[in-house]
Protein backbone atom coordinates (compact mmCIF):
# COMPACT_ATOMS: atom_id res chain seq x y z
CA MET A 1 171.97 43.30 120.85
CA GLY A 2 170.11 46.36 121.12
CA LEU A 3 168.08 48.54 117.84
CA SER A 4 169.79 51.47 115.85
CA MET A 5 168.21 53.18 113.16
CA ARG A 6 168.68 52.58 109.68
CA SER A 7 167.72 54.17 106.81
CA GLY A 8 164.47 55.18 109.05
CA ARG A 9 163.83 51.94 109.92
CA VAL A 10 164.44 50.17 113.24
CA THR A 11 166.42 47.44 113.55
CA GLY A 12 167.49 45.01 116.16
CA SER A 13 167.81 40.88 116.51
CA PRO A 14 164.33 39.32 115.65
CA ARG A 15 163.36 38.68 118.99
CA GLU A 16 163.29 41.93 119.60
CA GLN A 17 161.81 43.02 116.72
CA GLY A 18 159.04 40.10 117.56
CA TYR A 19 158.37 41.89 121.16
CA ILE A 20 157.93 45.94 119.02
CA TYR A 21 155.04 44.10 116.96
CA ILE A 22 153.58 42.16 119.89
CA TRP A 23 153.36 45.15 122.24
CA THR A 24 152.48 47.32 119.02
CA LEU A 25 149.74 45.01 117.97
CA PHE A 26 147.88 44.96 121.62
CA ALA A 27 148.61 48.64 121.50
CA THR A 28 146.24 48.90 118.70
CA MET A 29 143.51 45.80 119.96
CA LEU A 30 143.66 47.33 123.13
CA ALA A 31 142.91 51.29 121.62
CA GLY A 32 139.78 49.45 119.67
CA VAL A 33 138.11 47.84 122.87
CA MET A 34 138.58 51.49 124.51
CA LEU A 35 136.97 53.24 121.11
CA ALA A 36 134.95 50.61 121.30
CA ALA A 37 133.95 50.85 125.26
CA ALA A 38 133.53 55.03 124.40
CA GLY A 39 130.89 54.76 121.33
CA GLU A 40 128.35 52.40 123.05
CA VAL A 41 128.75 54.40 126.37
CA TRP A 42 127.66 57.41 123.84
CA GLN A 43 125.08 55.68 122.20
CA THR A 44 124.09 54.84 125.57
CA THR A 45 123.84 58.42 126.76
CA SER A 46 122.33 59.68 123.62
CA GLN A 47 119.28 57.60 123.69
CA ARG A 48 118.53 57.98 127.20
CA GLU A 49 118.56 61.64 126.01
CA LYS A 50 116.66 61.38 123.39
CA GLU A 51 114.26 59.91 125.83
CA ARG A 52 113.79 62.46 127.53
CA GLU A 53 112.98 64.60 124.78
CA LEU A 54 110.41 62.08 123.58
CA LEU A 55 109.13 62.22 126.81
CA PHE A 56 108.82 66.10 126.74
CA ILE A 57 107.29 66.45 123.48
CA GLY A 58 104.53 63.79 123.42
CA ASP A 59 103.32 65.82 126.85
CA GLN A 60 103.56 68.94 124.89
CA PHE A 61 101.45 67.15 122.60
CA ARG A 62 98.74 65.49 124.91
CA LEU A 63 98.18 68.75 126.36
CA ALA A 64 97.73 70.28 123.61
CA ILE A 65 94.67 67.89 122.55
CA THR A 66 93.46 68.01 126.22
CA SER A 67 93.24 71.76 125.54
CA TYR A 68 91.37 71.75 121.88
CA HIS A 69 89.43 68.96 124.28
CA ASP A 70 88.42 71.32 126.81
CA ALA A 71 87.95 74.54 124.63
CA ALA A 72 85.41 72.01 122.35
CA GLN A 73 83.04 72.55 125.67
CA ALA A 74 83.14 76.35 125.76
CA THR A 75 82.39 76.53 121.95
CA THR A 76 79.45 74.21 122.67
CA THR A 77 81.31 72.40 119.21
CA ALA A 78 80.57 68.60 118.21
CA SER A 79 84.22 68.36 117.41
CA ARG A 80 85.97 67.46 120.74
CA TYR A 81 89.65 66.24 118.52
CA PRO A 82 91.31 67.45 115.86
CA GLU A 83 90.78 65.86 112.45
CA THR A 84 94.88 66.86 112.01
CA LEU A 85 98.28 68.03 114.01
CA GLU A 86 98.02 71.13 112.46
CA GLN A 87 94.80 72.29 113.92
CA LEU A 88 96.12 72.34 117.39
CA LEU A 89 98.27 75.23 116.02
CA GLU A 90 95.21 76.83 115.14
CA ASP A 91 92.32 76.06 116.52
CA LYS A 92 89.52 78.43 114.47
CA ARG A 93 86.33 76.17 115.80
CA GLY A 94 85.42 79.86 118.23
CA PRO A 95 85.24 83.12 117.46
CA LYS A 96 89.05 84.03 118.09
CA PRO A 97 91.35 81.42 116.99
CA LEU A 98 93.13 79.18 119.55
CA ARG A 99 96.65 78.36 120.01
CA HIS A 100 97.31 75.13 121.55
CA LEU A 101 100.66 73.89 120.72
CA ARG A 102 103.57 76.90 119.51
CA LYS A 103 105.24 73.74 116.77
CA ILE A 104 104.61 70.69 115.02
CA PHE A 105 107.54 68.67 117.12
CA PHE A 106 109.78 66.59 115.64
CA ASP A 107 110.28 63.51 116.82
CA PRO A 108 114.05 63.09 118.58
CA MET A 109 114.06 58.90 117.75
CA THR A 110 112.86 58.52 114.16
CA ASN A 111 114.72 62.40 113.19
CA SER A 112 111.44 62.83 111.22
CA PHE A 113 108.03 65.05 111.75
CA GLU A 114 105.85 61.88 111.12
CA TRP A 115 104.27 60.68 113.96
CA GLY A 116 101.77 57.55 114.51
CA LEU A 117 97.96 58.83 115.37
CA ILE A 118 95.60 57.11 118.15
CA GLU A 119 92.37 57.98 116.11
CA GLN A 120 88.87 57.28 117.31
CA GLU A 121 86.30 55.53 115.57
CA ASN A 122 84.56 58.21 114.43
CA GLY A 123 87.79 60.41 112.99
CA GLY A 124 89.52 62.60 115.94
CA ILE A 125 93.19 62.52 117.10
CA THR A 126 93.36 61.48 120.70
CA GLY A 127 96.80 61.08 121.39
CA VAL A 128 100.40 60.44 119.32
CA TYR A 129 103.68 57.80 119.03
CA SER A 130 106.56 57.63 118.20
CA LEU A 131 106.67 55.59 114.87
CA ALA A 132 110.21 54.29 116.29
CA THR A 133 110.69 50.11 116.99
CA THR A 134 113.66 50.37 119.29
CA GLN A 135 113.46 49.17 122.65
CA PRO A 136 113.65 51.99 125.27
CA ILE A 137 116.25 52.40 127.83
CA LYS A 138 114.32 53.68 130.47
CA ARG A 139 111.89 51.35 132.54
CA ALA A 140 111.30 52.84 135.73
CA GLY A 141 110.95 56.41 137.29
CA PHE A 142 107.75 57.87 135.08
CA PRO A 143 105.82 60.80 136.12
CA GLU A 144 102.15 59.37 137.41
CA ASP A 145 100.44 59.65 133.93
CA TYR A 146 103.45 57.36 131.82
CA THR A 147 103.57 54.13 134.51
CA ASN A 148 102.01 51.80 131.92
CA PHE A 149 105.45 52.87 129.77
CA GLU A 150 107.36 50.66 132.28
CA LYS A 151 106.20 47.03 130.17
CA ALA A 152 106.37 48.76 126.82
CA GLU A 153 108.12 46.24 124.07
CA ASN A 154 109.11 49.41 122.12
CA TYR A 155 109.04 52.68 121.76
CA GLN A 156 105.62 52.21 119.94
CA ASP A 157 104.13 51.32 122.96
CA TRP A 158 104.93 55.11 124.71
CA GLN A 159 101.78 56.61 123.35
CA PHE A 160 100.71 60.09 124.98
CA VAL A 161 96.69 60.04 124.74
CA HIS A 162 93.90 61.98 126.14
CA ALA A 163 93.16 60.68 129.55
CA ASP A 164 89.23 60.58 129.14
CA ALA A 165 90.03 59.15 125.73
CA ALA A 166 92.44 56.06 127.22
CA ALA A 167 89.77 55.65 129.97
CA LYS A 168 87.30 55.03 127.35
CA ASP A 169 88.80 52.74 125.70
CA SER A 170 89.54 50.91 128.69
CA GLY A 171 86.18 51.30 129.48
CA ARG A 172 85.11 49.50 125.88
CA ALA A 173 87.57 47.14 126.46
CA GLN A 174 86.50 45.68 129.51
CA GLU A 175 83.23 45.79 128.56
CA GLN A 176 84.36 43.68 125.20
CA THR A 177 85.41 41.46 128.06
CA GLN A 178 82.87 40.73 130.62
CA ASP A 179 80.29 40.62 127.47
CA LYS A 180 82.27 36.85 125.97
CA PRO A 181 80.54 33.49 127.11
CA VAL A 182 82.18 31.92 129.97
CA ASN A 183 81.41 28.37 128.14
CA PRO A 184 82.89 28.90 124.19
CA PHE A 185 80.27 26.02 123.31
CA GLU A 186 77.55 28.11 124.24
CA GLN A 187 77.91 29.92 120.77
CA LEU A 188 78.58 26.80 118.61
CA GLY A 189 75.42 25.22 120.22
CA THR A 190 76.79 22.53 121.72
CA GLN A 191 78.12 21.46 124.83
CA PRO A 192 81.80 19.48 126.08
CA VAL A 193 81.82 15.85 126.00
CA ASP A 194 81.43 14.38 129.28
CA ASN A 195 85.33 13.09 130.28
CA PRO A 196 85.06 9.64 131.48
CA PHE A 197 88.53 9.85 133.41
CA SER A 198 87.32 13.21 135.24
CA SER A 199 86.81 12.15 138.64
CA SER A 200 90.84 10.73 138.57
CA LEU A 201 91.72 14.58 137.64
CA PRO A 202 92.63 17.32 140.42
CA ALA A 203 89.02 18.82 140.55
CA GLU A 204 91.14 22.88 139.40
CA ASN A 205 94.90 23.75 138.69
CA THR A 206 95.28 20.98 136.44
CA ASN A 207 97.67 22.69 134.49
CA PRO A 208 101.21 22.51 136.44
CA PHE A 209 102.26 26.35 135.14
CA GLN A 210 99.24 28.06 136.11
CA ARG A 211 100.67 27.44 139.97
């Protein structure tokens, strides 16, 4: 029996109505899957675009901090780094105000003007980073100054720091590592007890997971 229209409704055999219901349900599910896939693609594309913006903006901050630091040498001032980001907009340390940054950029990851600040122990901002805790999509193809971003767990690890400050921090970390005693018992003033079974153990690489 064919389908017919009665009072604006589709009529037919129960079997034919069942087919229509199944096809309608399938079309609805397919449309939902396609919309979800399109939404995921859009979200990924949007995040990649924001990553490009963050790399550009972060580099602008780093260059501005570098310019501020270099200008200190010309003015022979003790203030090598800015105390606030706003000081990058108008540097009043010399006879003529300097503008190292044209504006305070917003963070594209958080849509906020609030940034994480990397500061020296004695004061002064040496770098900035995003406060977003999202995991980055970009894992390779960074500029030479930012190759360490490849191992970032979240965007807070994308730290845009003045090169001299980063080198000094790395040097201090190495010095602290070298200053640590090789034998942990020396700090306690004791020596480890001899192991009577040590002769039966391998001389090195006793942990199989270290190999």
